[in-house]
Amino acid sequence: VLAIVNEVYFRNTQKNPDFEEGRRRLDLKISQLQEAGLG
């Protein structure tokens, strides 16, 4: 039900989601996790 509320809200308020921005942010997170000393 929480997942439903979220998806209904965002599909109505963000008709053209910026998935490229989402991928850029995800890529940054992955790069941070792969830094030296965090193996």
PDB file of all heavy atoms in Angstrom:
ATOM      1  N   VAL A   1       0.841  -1.205   0.000  1.00  0.00           N
ATOM      2  CA  VAL A   1       0.000   0.000   0.000  1.00  0.00           C
ATOM      3  C   VAL A   1       0.875   1.253   0.000  1.00  0.00           C
ATOM      4  O   VAL A   1       0.598   2.216  -0.719  1.00  0.00           O
ATOM      5  CB  VAL A   1      -0.988  -0.010   1.188  1.00  0.00           C
ATOM      6  CG1 VAL A   1      -1.664   1.356   1.347  1.00  0.00           C
ATOM      7  CG2 VAL A   1      -2.044  -1.095   0.977  1.00  0.00           C
ATOM      8  N   LEU A   2       1.937   1.273   0.777  1.00  0.00           N
ATOM      9  CA  LEU A   2       2.850   2.409   0.749  1.00  0.00           C
ATOM     10  C   LEU A   2       3.495   2.548  -0.632  1.00  0.00           C
ATOM     11  O   LEU A   2       3.629   3.661  -1.156  1.00  0.00           O
ATOM     12  CB  LEU A   2       3.933   2.252   1.827  1.00  0.00           C
ATOM     13  CG  LEU A   2       3.465   2.437   3.272  1.00  0.00           C
ATOM     14  CD1 LEU A   2       4.580   2.076   4.252  1.00  0.00           C
ATOM     15  CD2 LEU A   2       2.983   3.870   3.533  1.00  0.00           C
ATOM     16  N   ALA A   3       3.898   1.439  -1.226  1.00  0.00           N
ATOM     17  CA  ALA A   3       4.478   1.482  -2.574  1.00  0.00           C
ATOM     18  C   ALA A   3       3.457   2.008  -3.590  1.00  0.00           C
ATOM     19  O   ALA A   3       3.802   2.761  -4.503  1.00  0.00           O
ATOM     20  CB  ALA A   3       4.978   0.095  -2.978  1.00  0.00           C
ATOM     21  N   ILE A   4       2.198   1.629  -3.425  1.00  0.00           N
ATOM     22  CA  ILE A   4       1.121   2.115  -4.304  1.00  0.00           C
ATOM     23  C   ILE A   4       0.951   3.630  -4.158  1.00  0.00           C
ATOM     24  O   ILE A   4       0.888   4.357  -5.153  1.00  0.00           O
ATOM     25  CB  ILE A   4      -0.197   1.380  -3.987  1.00  0.00           C
ATOM     26  CG1 ILE A   4      -0.180  -0.030  -4.586  1.00  0.00           C
ATOM     27  CG2 ILE A   4      -1.405   2.161  -4.503  1.00  0.00           C
ATOM     28  CD1 ILE A   4      -1.305  -0.926  -4.081  1.00  0.00           C
ATOM     29  N   VAL A   5       0.879   4.123  -2.920  1.00  0.00           N
ATOM     30  CA  VAL A   5       0.700   5.562  -2.695  1.00  0.00           C
ATOM     31  C   VAL A   5       1.848   6.331  -3.343  1.00  0.00           C
ATOM     32  O   VAL A   5       1.641   7.338  -4.029  1.00  0.00           O
ATOM     33  CB  VAL A   5       0.608   5.878  -1.184  1.00  0.00           C
ATOM     34  CG1 VAL A   5       0.623   7.394  -0.955  1.00  0.00           C
ATOM     35  CG2 VAL A   5      -0.658   5.268  -0.584  1.00  0.00           C
ATOM     36  N   ASN A   6       3.077   5.850  -3.150  1.00  0.00           N
ATOM     37  CA  ASN A   6       4.233   6.506  -3.751  1.00  0.00           C
ATOM     38  C   ASN A   6       4.136   6.557  -5.263  1.00  0.00           C
ATOM     39  O   ASN A   6       4.318   7.603  -5.881  1.00  0.00           O
ATOM     40  CB  ASN A   6       5.518   5.763  -3.356  1.00  0.00           C
ATOM     41  CG  ASN A   6       6.210   6.418  -2.181  1.00  0.00           C
ATOM     42  OD1 ASN A   6       6.603   7.572  -2.208  1.00  0.00           O
ATOM     43  ND2 ASN A   6       6.345   5.643  -1.130  1.00  0.00           N
ATOM     44  N   GLU A   7       3.886   5.399  -5.877  1.00  0.00           N
ATOM     45  CA  GLU A   7       3.905   5.348  -7.339  1.00  0.00           C
ATOM     46  C   GLU A   7       2.748   6.135  -7.944  1.00  0.00           C
ATOM     47  O   GLU A   7       2.925   6.815  -8.960  1.00  0.00           O
ATOM     48  CB  GLU A   7       3.902   3.895  -7.820  1.00  0.00           C
ATOM     49  CG  GLU A   7       4.147   3.781  -9.318  1.00  0.00           C
ATOM     50  CD  GLU A   7       4.759   2.462  -9.762  1.00  0.00           C
ATOM     51  OE1 GLU A   7       5.219   1.674  -8.901  1.00  0.00           O
ATOM     52  OE2 GLU A   7       4.792   2.224 -10.981  1.00  0.00           O
ATOM     53  N   VAL A   8       1.578   6.070  -7.341  1.00  0.00           N
ATOM     54  CA  VAL A   8       0.445   6.871  -7.831  1.00  0.00           C
ATOM     55  C   VAL A   8       0.778   8.359  -7.741  1.00  0.00           C
ATOM     56  O   VAL A   8       0.527   9.132  -8.677  1.00  0.00           O
ATOM     57  CB  VAL A   8      -0.841   6.545  -7.032  1.00  0.00           C
ATOM     58  CG1 VAL A   8      -1.916   7.610  -7.291  1.00  0.00           C
ATOM     59  CG2 VAL A   8      -1.376   5.171  -7.415  1.00  0.00           C
ATOM     60  N   TYR A   9       1.368   8.769  -6.625  1.00  0.00           N
ATOM     61  CA  TYR A   9       1.715  10.178  -6.443  1.00  0.00           C
ATOM     62  C   TYR A   9       2.722  10.632  -7.496  1.00  0.00           C
ATOM     63  O   TYR A   9       2.531  11.667  -8.149  1.00  0.00           O
ATOM     64  CB  TYR A   9       2.287  10.392  -5.031  1.00  0.00           C
ATOM     65  CG  TYR A   9       2.844  11.778  -4.802  1.00  0.00           C
ATOM     66  CD1 TYR A   9       2.008  12.864  -4.586  1.00  0.00           C
ATOM     67  CD2 TYR A   9       4.225  11.994  -4.806  1.00  0.00           C
ATOM     68  CE1 TYR A   9       2.532  14.141  -4.373  1.00  0.00           C
ATOM     69  CE2 TYR A   9       4.750  13.261  -4.593  1.00  0.00           C
ATOM     70  CZ  TYR A   9       3.899  14.327  -4.380  1.00  0.00           C
ATOM     71  OH  TYR A   9       4.419  15.595  -4.173  1.00  0.00           O
ATOM     72  N   PHE A  10       3.787   9.876  -7.697  1.00  0.00           N
ATOM     73  CA  PHE A  10       4.838  10.320  -8.600  1.00  0.00           C
ATOM     74  C   PHE A  10       4.441  10.196 -10.067  1.00  0.00           C
ATOM     75  O   PHE A  10       4.875  11.006 -10.889  1.00  0.00           O
ATOM     76  CB  PHE A  10       6.152   9.592  -8.308  1.00  0.00           C
ATOM     77  CG  PHE A  10       6.858  10.121  -7.092  1.00  0.00           C
ATOM     78  CD1 PHE A  10       6.929   9.370  -5.926  1.00  0.00           C
ATOM     79  CD2 PHE A  10       7.425  11.382  -7.098  1.00  0.00           C
ATOM     80  CE1 PHE A  10       7.551   9.870  -4.797  1.00  0.00           C
ATOM     81  CE2 PHE A  10       8.053  11.891  -5.967  1.00  0.00           C
ATOM     82  CZ  PHE A  10       8.124  11.137  -4.815  1.00  0.00           C
ATOM     83  N   ARG A  11       3.616   9.221 -10.424  1.00  0.00           N
ATOM     84  CA  ARG A  11       3.230   9.142 -11.830  1.00  0.00           C
ATOM     85  C   ARG A  11       2.261  10.273 -12.190  1.00  0.00           C
ATOM     86  O   ARG A  11       2.132  10.625 -13.362  1.00  0.00           O
ATOM     87  CB  ARG A  11       2.639   7.771 -12.159  1.00  0.00           C
ATOM     88  CG  ARG A  11       1.218   7.537 -11.711  1.00  0.00           C
ATOM     89  CD  ARG A  11       0.790   6.116 -12.029  1.00  0.00           C
ATOM     90  NE  ARG A  11      -0.578   5.855 -11.625  1.00  0.00           N
ATOM     91  CZ  ARG A  11      -1.117   4.646 -11.593  1.00  0.00           C
ATOM     92  NH1 ARG A  11      -0.394   3.579 -11.930  1.00  0.00           N
ATOM     93  NH2 ARG A  11      -2.382   4.476 -11.227  1.00  0.00           N
ATOM     94  N   ASN A  12       1.593  10.853 -11.187  1.00  0.00           N
ATOM     95  CA  ASN A  12       0.718  12.001 -11.435  1.00  0.00           C
ATOM     96  C   ASN A  12       1.444  13.339 -11.356  1.00  0.00           C
ATOM     97  O   ASN A  12       1.061  14.292 -12.032  1.00  0.00           O
ATOM     98  CB  ASN A  12      -0.445  11.996 -10.435  1.00  0.00           C
ATOM     99  CG  ASN A  12      -1.545  11.013 -10.809  1.00  0.00           C
ATOM    100  OD1 ASN A  12      -2.385  11.287 -11.661  1.00  0.00           O
ATOM    101  ND2 ASN A  12      -1.530   9.841 -10.168  1.00  0.00           N
ATOM    102  N   THR A  13       2.464  13.431 -10.532  1.00  0.00           N
ATOM    103  CA  THR A  13       3.149  14.708 -10.332  1.00  0.00           C
ATOM    104  C   THR A  13       4.416  14.842 -11.171  1.00  0.00           C
ATOM    105  O   THR A  13       4.915  15.946 -11.373  1.00  0.00           O
ATOM    106  CB  THR A  13       3.510  14.917  -8.847  1.00  0.00           C
ATOM    107  OG1 THR A  13       4.329  13.825  -8.395  1.00  0.00           O
ATOM    108  CG2 THR A  13       2.238  14.988  -7.994  1.00  0.00           C
ATOM    109  N   GLN A  14       4.956  13.729 -11.647  1.00  0.00           N
ATOM    110  CA  GLN A  14       6.152  13.750 -12.496  1.00  0.00           C
ATOM    111  C   GLN A  14       5.850  12.964 -13.763  1.00  0.00           C
ATOM    112  O   GLN A  14       6.173  11.795 -13.885  1.00  0.00           O
ATOM    113  CB  GLN A  14       7.358  13.157 -11.747  1.00  0.00           C
ATOM    114  CG  GLN A  14       7.655  13.799 -10.398  1.00  0.00           C
ATOM    115  CD  GLN A  14       8.010  15.268 -10.519  1.00  0.00           C
ATOM    116  OE1 GLN A  14       8.492  15.724 -11.561  1.00  0.00           O
ATOM    117  NE2 GLN A  14       7.781  16.039  -9.477  1.00  0.00           N
ATOM    118  N   LYS A  15       5.221  13.650 -14.718  1.00  0.00           N
ATOM    119  CA  LYS A  15       4.780  12.962 -15.938  1.00  0.00           C
ATOM    120  C   LYS A  15       5.955  12.493 -16.796  1.00  0.00           C
ATOM    121  O   LYS A  15       5.870  11.502 -17.507  1.00  0.00           O
ATOM    122  CB  LYS A  15       3.894  13.904 -16.774  1.00  0.00           C
ATOM    123  CG  LYS A  15       2.643  14.419 -16.037  1.00  0.00           C
ATOM    124  CD  LYS A  15       1.605  13.366 -15.863  1.00  0.00           C
ATOM    125  CE  LYS A  15       0.302  13.950 -15.332  1.00  0.00           C
ATOM    126  NZ  LYS A  15      -0.731  12.918 -15.066  1.00  0.00           N
ATOM    127  N   ASN A  16       7.064  13.227 -16.751  1.00  0.00           N
ATOM    128  CA  ASN A  16       8.258  12.869 -17.521  1.00  0.00           C
ATOM    129  C   ASN A  16       9.454  12.782 -16.577  1.00  0.00           C
ATOM    130  O   ASN A  16      10.281  13.695 -16.522  1.00  0.00           O
ATOM    131  CB  ASN A  16       8.518  13.899 -18.628  1.00  0.00           C
ATOM    132  CG  ASN A  16       7.376  13.928 -19.641  1.00  0.00           C
ATOM    133  OD1 ASN A  16       7.165  12.976 -20.376  1.00  0.00           O
ATOM    134  ND2 ASN A  16       6.633  15.038 -19.649  1.00  0.00           N
ATOM    135  N   PRO A  17       9.567  11.715 -15.840  1.00  0.00           N
ATOM    136  CA  PRO A  17      10.611  11.614 -14.822  1.00  0.00           C
ATOM    137  C   PRO A  17      12.017  11.709 -15.425  1.00  0.00           C
ATOM    138  O   PRO A  17      12.271  11.232 -16.533  1.00  0.00           O
ATOM    139  CB  PRO A  17      10.386  10.219 -14.221  1.00  0.00           C
ATOM    140  CG  PRO A  17       8.995   9.842 -14.595  1.00  0.00           C
ATOM    141  CD  PRO A  17       8.717  10.502 -15.894  1.00  0.00           C
ATOM    142  N   ASP A  18      12.921  12.338 -14.670  1.00  0.00           N
ATOM    143  CA  ASP A  18      14.291  12.504 -15.127  1.00  0.00           C
ATOM    144  C   ASP A  18      15.115  11.282 -14.690  1.00  0.00           C
ATOM    145  O   ASP A  18      15.890  11.338 -13.730  1.00  0.00           O
ATOM    146  CB  ASP A  18      14.874  13.800 -14.545  1.00  0.00           C
ATOM    147  CG  ASP A  18      16.204  14.177 -15.194  1.00  0.00           C
ATOM    148  OD1 ASP A  18      16.761  13.346 -15.949  1.00  0.00           O
ATOM    149  OD2 ASP A  18      16.701  15.297 -14.922  1.00  0.00           O
ATOM    150  N   PHE A  19      14.960  10.201 -15.435  1.00  0.00           N
ATOM    151  CA  PHE A  19      15.682   8.983 -15.087  1.00  0.00           C
ATOM    152  C   PHE A  19      17.189   9.137 -15.278  1.00  0.00           C
ATOM    153  O   PHE A  19      17.974   8.512 -14.572  1.00  0.00           O
ATOM    154  CB  PHE A  19      15.154   7.796 -15.898  1.00  0.00           C
ATOM    155  CG  PHE A  19      13.765   7.378 -15.511  1.00  0.00           C
ATOM    156  CD1 PHE A  19      12.709   7.513 -16.399  1.00  0.00           C
ATOM    157  CD2 PHE A  19      13.500   6.853 -14.255  1.00  0.00           C
ATOM    158  CE1 PHE A  19      11.424   7.134 -16.039  1.00  0.00           C
ATOM    159  CE2 PHE A  19      12.215   6.471 -13.894  1.00  0.00           C
ATOM    160  CZ  PHE A  19      11.178   6.617 -14.780  1.00  0.00           C
ATOM    161  N   GLU A  20      17.597   9.991 -16.219  1.00  0.00           N
ATOM    162  CA  GLU A  20      19.032  10.206 -16.414  1.00  0.00           C
ATOM    163  C   GLU A  20      19.656  10.826 -15.173  1.00  0.00           C
ATOM    164  O   GLU A  20      20.780  10.492 -14.790  1.00  0.00           O
ATOM    165  CB  GLU A  20      19.282  11.082 -17.646  1.00  0.00           C
ATOM    166  CG  GLU A  20      19.131  10.311 -18.957  1.00  0.00           C
ATOM    167  CD  GLU A  20      19.984   9.028 -18.994  1.00  0.00           C
ATOM    168  OE1 GLU A  20      21.180   9.087 -18.598  1.00  0.00           O
ATOM    169  OE2 GLU A  20      19.460   7.961 -19.384  1.00  0.00           O
ATOM    170  N   GLU A  21      18.928  11.749 -14.526  1.00  0.00           N
ATOM    171  CA  GLU A  21      19.429  12.314 -13.283  1.00  0.00           C
ATOM    172  C   GLU A  21      19.509  11.230 -12.203  1.00  0.00           C
ATOM    173  O   GLU A  21      20.465  11.188 -11.425  1.00  0.00           O
ATOM    174  CB  GLU A  21      18.512  13.461 -12.810  1.00  0.00           C
ATOM    175  CG  GLU A  21      18.850  14.042 -11.439  1.00  0.00           C
ATOM    176  CD  GLU A  21      20.227  14.706 -11.380  1.00  0.00           C
ATOM    177  OE1 GLU A  21      20.836  14.962 -12.450  1.00  0.00           O
ATOM    178  OE2 GLU A  21      20.707  14.958 -10.258  1.00  0.00           O
ATOM    179  N   GLY A  22      18.500  10.357 -12.156  1.00  0.00           N
ATOM    180  CA  GLY A  22      18.519   9.243 -11.220  1.00  0.00           C
ATOM    181  C   GLY A  22      19.724   8.337 -11.443  1.00  0.00           C
ATOM    182  O   GLY A  22      20.378   7.904 -10.484  1.00  0.00           O
ATOM    183  N   ARG A  23      20.036   8.075 -12.713  1.00  0.00           N
ATOM    184  CA  ARG A  23      21.193   7.220 -13.027  1.00  0.00           C
ATOM    185  C   ARG A  23      22.500   7.918 -12.671  1.00  0.00           C
ATOM    186  O   ARG A  23      23.440   7.262 -12.204  1.00  0.00           O
ATOM    187  CB  ARG A  23      21.164   6.844 -14.504  1.00  0.00           C
ATOM    188  CG  ARG A  23      20.028   5.894 -14.841  1.00  0.00           C
ATOM    189  CD  ARG A  23      19.928   5.557 -16.310  1.00  0.00           C
ATOM    190  NE  ARG A  23      18.680   4.817 -16.533  1.00  0.00           N
ATOM    191  CZ  ARG A  23      17.719   5.201 -17.359  1.00  0.00           C
ATOM    192  NH1 ARG A  23      17.831   6.304 -18.071  1.00  0.00           N
ATOM    193  NH2 ARG A  23      16.604   4.489 -17.482  1.00  0.00           N
ATOM    194  N   ARG A  24      22.553   9.228 -12.893  1.00  0.00           N
ATOM    195  CA  ARG A  24      23.767   9.974 -12.540  1.00  0.00           C
ATOM    196  C   ARG A  24      24.010   9.890 -11.027  1.00  0.00           C
ATOM    197  O   ARG A  24      25.127   9.665 -10.579  1.00  0.00           O
ATOM    198  CB  ARG A  24      23.632  11.433 -12.985  1.00  0.00           C
ATOM    199  CG  ARG A  24      24.916  12.239 -12.837  1.00  0.00           C
ATOM    200  CD  ARG A  24      24.672  13.723 -12.997  1.00  0.00           C
ATOM    201  NE  ARG A  24      23.894  14.286 -11.893  1.00  0.00           N
ATOM    202  CZ  ARG A  24      24.396  14.538 -10.675  1.00  0.00           C
ATOM    203  NH1 ARG A  24      25.645  14.293 -10.404  1.00  0.00           N
ATOM    204  NH2 ARG A  24      23.613  15.035  -9.744  1.00  0.00           N
ATOM    205  N   ARG A  25      22.946  10.076 -10.253  1.00  0.00           N
ATOM    206  CA  ARG A  25      23.070  10.018  -8.796  1.00  0.00           C
ATOM    207  C   ARG A  25      23.430   8.607  -8.322  1.00  0.00           C
ATOM    208  O   ARG A  25      24.228   8.453  -7.388  1.00  0.00           O
ATOM    209  CB  ARG A  25      21.757  10.474  -8.147  1.00  0.00           C
ATOM    210  CG  ARG A  25      21.464  11.950  -8.387  1.00  0.00           C
ATOM    211  CD  ARG A  25      20.171  12.384  -7.699  1.00  0.00           C
ATOM    212  NE  ARG A  25      19.923  13.806  -7.929  1.00  0.00           N
ATOM    213  CZ  ARG A  25      19.357  14.629  -7.052  1.00  0.00           C
ATOM    214  NH1 ARG A  25      18.972  14.171  -5.862  1.00  0.00           N
ATOM    215  NH2 ARG A  25      19.171  15.905  -7.342  1.00  0.00           N
ATOM    216  N   LEU A  26      22.851   7.615  -8.966  1.00  0.00           N
ATOM    217  CA  LEU A  26      23.172   6.233  -8.606  1.00  0.00           C
ATOM    218  C   LEU A  26      24.627   5.922  -8.932  1.00  0.00           C
ATOM    219  O   LEU A  26      25.330   5.264  -8.150  1.00  0.00           O
ATOM    220  CB  LEU A  26      22.231   5.271  -9.337  1.00  0.00           C
ATOM    221  CG  LEU A  26      22.399   3.781  -9.034  1.00  0.00           C
ATOM    222  CD1 LEU A  26      22.193   3.486  -7.549  1.00  0.00           C
ATOM    223  CD2 LEU A  26      21.419   2.940  -9.875  1.00  0.00           C
ATOM    224  N   ASP A  27      25.094   6.403 -10.076  1.00  0.00           N
ATOM    225  CA  ASP A  27      26.487   6.200 -10.475  1.00  0.00           C
ATOM    226  C   ASP A  27      27.439   6.810  -9.455  1.00  0.00           C
ATOM    227  O   ASP A  27      28.476   6.224  -9.119  1.00  0.00           O
ATOM    228  CB  ASP A  27      26.713   6.806 -11.863  1.00  0.00           C
ATOM    229  CG  ASP A  27      28.104   6.508 -12.401  1.00  0.00           C
ATOM    230  OD1 ASP A  27      28.382   5.328 -12.694  1.00  0.00           O
ATOM    231  OD2 ASP A  27      28.911   7.450 -12.525  1.00  0.00           O
ATOM    232  N   LEU A  28      27.089   8.005  -8.945  1.00  0.00           N
ATOM    233  CA  LEU A  28      27.913   8.660  -7.933  1.00  0.00           C
ATOM    234  C   LEU A  28      27.974   7.823  -6.653  1.00  0.00           C
ATOM    235  O   LEU A  28      29.044   7.655  -6.056  1.00  0.00           O
ATOM    236  CB  LEU A  28      27.365  10.052  -7.627  1.00  0.00           C
ATOM    237  CG  LEU A  28      28.089  10.834  -6.515  1.00  0.00           C
ATOM    238  CD1 LEU A  28      29.557  11.079  -6.881  1.00  0.00           C
ATOM    239  CD2 LEU A  28      27.372  12.168  -6.235  1.00  0.00           C
ATOM    240  N   LYS A  29      26.834   7.289  -6.236  1.00  0.00           N
ATOM    241  CA  LYS A  29      26.792   6.444  -5.034  1.00  0.00           C
ATOM    242  C   LYS A  29      27.705   5.226  -5.204  1.00  0.00           C
ATOM    243  O   LYS A  29      28.456   4.861  -4.289  1.00  0.00           O
ATOM    244  CB  LYS A  29      25.362   5.976  -4.752  1.00  0.00           C
ATOM    245  CG  LYS A  29      24.400   7.087  -4.347  1.00  0.00           C
ATOM    246  CD  LYS A  29      23.006   6.491  -4.111  1.00  0.00           C
ATOM    247  CE  LYS A  29      21.999   7.562  -3.677  1.00  0.00           C
ATOM    248  NZ  LYS A  29      21.550   8.430  -4.722  1.00  0.00           N
ATOM    249  N   ILE A  30      27.625   4.598  -6.363  1.00  0.00           N
ATOM    250  CA  ILE A  30      28.442   3.411  -6.628  1.00  0.00           C
ATOM    251  C   ILE A  30      29.929   3.772  -6.596  1.00  0.00           C
ATOM    252  O   ILE A  30      30.746   3.062  -6.014  1.00  0.00           O
ATOM    253  CB  ILE A  30      28.034   2.767  -7.964  1.00  0.00           C
ATOM    254  CG1 ILE A  30      26.621   2.177  -7.851  1.00  0.00           C
ATOM    255  CG2 ILE A  30      29.027   1.689  -8.381  1.00  0.00           C
ATOM    256  CD1 ILE A  30      26.003   1.770  -9.176  1.00  0.00           C
ATOM    257  N   SER A  31      30.278   4.906  -7.214  1.00  0.00           N
ATOM    258  CA  SER A  31      31.681   5.358  -7.220  1.00  0.00           C
ATOM    259  C   SER A  31      32.176   5.599  -5.798  1.00  0.00           C
ATOM    260  O   SER A  31      33.312   5.254  -5.450  1.00  0.00           O
ATOM    261  CB  SER A  31      31.820   6.644  -8.044  1.00  0.00           C
ATOM    262  OG  SER A  31      31.448   6.418  -9.386  1.00  0.00           O
ATOM    263  N   GLN A  32      31.339   6.199  -4.954  1.00  0.00           N
ATOM    264  CA  GLN A  32      31.724   6.448  -3.564  1.00  0.00           C
ATOM    265  C   GLN A  32      31.967   5.139  -2.814  1.00  0.00           C
ATOM    266  O   GLN A  32      32.912   5.030  -2.030  1.00  0.00           O
ATOM    267  CB  GLN A  32      30.634   7.263  -2.860  1.00  0.00           C
ATOM    268  CG  GLN A  32      30.524   8.712  -3.354  1.00  0.00           C
ATOM    269  CD  GLN A  32      29.287   9.415  -2.817  1.00  0.00           C
ATOM    270  OE1 GLN A  32      28.257   8.808  -2.519  1.00  0.00           O
ATOM    271  NE2 GLN A  32      29.387  10.733  -2.689  1.00  0.00           N
ATOM    272  N   LEU A  33      31.113   4.138  -3.066  1.00  0.00           N
ATOM    273  CA  LEU A  33      31.265   2.849  -2.389  1.00  0.00           C
ATOM    274  C   LEU A  33      32.495   2.082  -2.857  1.00  0.00           C
ATOM    275  O   LEU A  33      32.996   1.203  -2.143  1.00  0.00           O
ATOM    276  CB  LEU A  33      30.007   1.989  -2.616  1.00  0.00           C
ATOM    277  CG  LEU A  33      28.743   2.455  -1.889  1.00  0.00           C
ATOM    278  CD1 LEU A  33      27.511   1.764  -2.471  1.00  0.00           C
ATOM    279  CD2 LEU A  33      28.845   2.177  -0.391  1.00  0.00           C
ATOM    280  N   GLN A  34      32.974   2.413  -4.061  1.00  0.00           N
ATOM    281  CA  GLN A  34      34.121   1.702  -4.624  1.00  0.00           C
ATOM    282  C   GLN A  34      35.447   2.409  -4.362  1.00  0.00           C
ATOM    283  O   GLN A  34      36.485   1.997  -4.899  1.00  0.00           O
ATOM    284  CB  GLN A  34      33.910   1.496  -6.123  1.00  0.00           C
ATOM    285  CG  GLN A  34      32.776   0.512  -6.434  1.00  0.00           C
ATOM    286  CD  GLN A  34      32.512   0.347  -7.906  1.00  0.00           C
ATOM    287  OE1 GLN A  34      32.669   1.306  -8.680  1.00  0.00           O
ATOM    288  NE2 GLN A  34      32.107  -0.844  -8.328  1.00  0.00           N
ATOM    289  N   GLU A  35      35.435   3.453  -3.537  1.00  0.00           N
ATOM    290  CA  GLU A  35      36.686   4.143  -3.223  1.00  0.00           C
ATOM    291  C   GLU A  35      37.631   3.242  -2.428  1.00  0.00           C
ATOM    292  O   GLU A  35      37.203   2.276  -1.787  1.00  0.00           O
ATOM    293  CB  GLU A  35      36.387   5.432  -2.448  1.00  0.00           C
ATOM    294  CG  GLU A  35      35.730   6.512  -3.324  1.00  0.00           C
ATOM    295  CD  GLU A  35      35.326   7.739  -2.547  1.00  0.00           C
ATOM    296  OE1 GLU A  35      35.590   7.782  -1.314  1.00  0.00           O
ATOM    297  OE2 GLU A  35      34.731   8.666  -3.147  1.00  0.00           O
ATOM    298  N   ALA A  36      38.882   3.586  -2.441  1.00  0.00           N
ATOM    299  CA  ALA A  36      39.903   2.790  -1.760  1.00  0.00           C
ATOM    300  C   ALA A  36      39.606   2.665  -0.268  1.00  0.00           C
ATOM    301  O   ALA A  36      39.160   3.618   0.376  1.00  0.00           O
ATOM    302  CB  ALA A  36      41.277   3.437  -1.960  1.00  0.00           C
ATOM    303  N   GLY A  37      39.832   1.488   0.262  1.00  0.00           N
ATOM    304  CA  GLY A  37      39.649   1.252   1.684  1.00  0.00           C
ATOM    305  C   GLY A  37      38.254   0.841   2.090  1.00  0.00           C
ATOM    306  O   GLY A  37      37.981   0.618   3.273  1.00  0.00           O
ATOM    307  N   LEU A  38      37.334   0.723   1.113  1.00  0.00           N
ATOM    308  CA  LEU A  38      35.948   0.373   1.425  1.00  0.00           C
ATOM    309  C   LEU A  38      35.571  -0.996   0.848  1.00  0.00           C
ATOM    310  O   LEU A  38      34.386  -1.296   0.693  1.00  0.00           O
ATOM    311  CB  LEU A  38      34.981   1.443   0.878  1.00  0.00           C
ATOM    312  CG  LEU A  38      35.217   2.890   1.340  1.00  0.00           C
ATOM    313  CD1 LEU A  38      34.211   3.823   0.676  1.00  0.00           C
ATOM    314  CD2 LEU A  38      35.139   3.006   2.861  1.00  0.00           C
ATOM    315  N   GLY A  39      36.563  -1.804   0.555  1.00  0.00           N
ATOM    316  CA  GLY A  39      36.322  -3.071  -0.142  1.00  0.00           C
ATOM    317  C   GLY A  39      35.370  -4.013   0.559  1.00  0.00           C
ATOM    318  O   GLY A  39      34.646  -4.774  -0.090  1.00  0.00           O
TER     319      GLY A  39
END
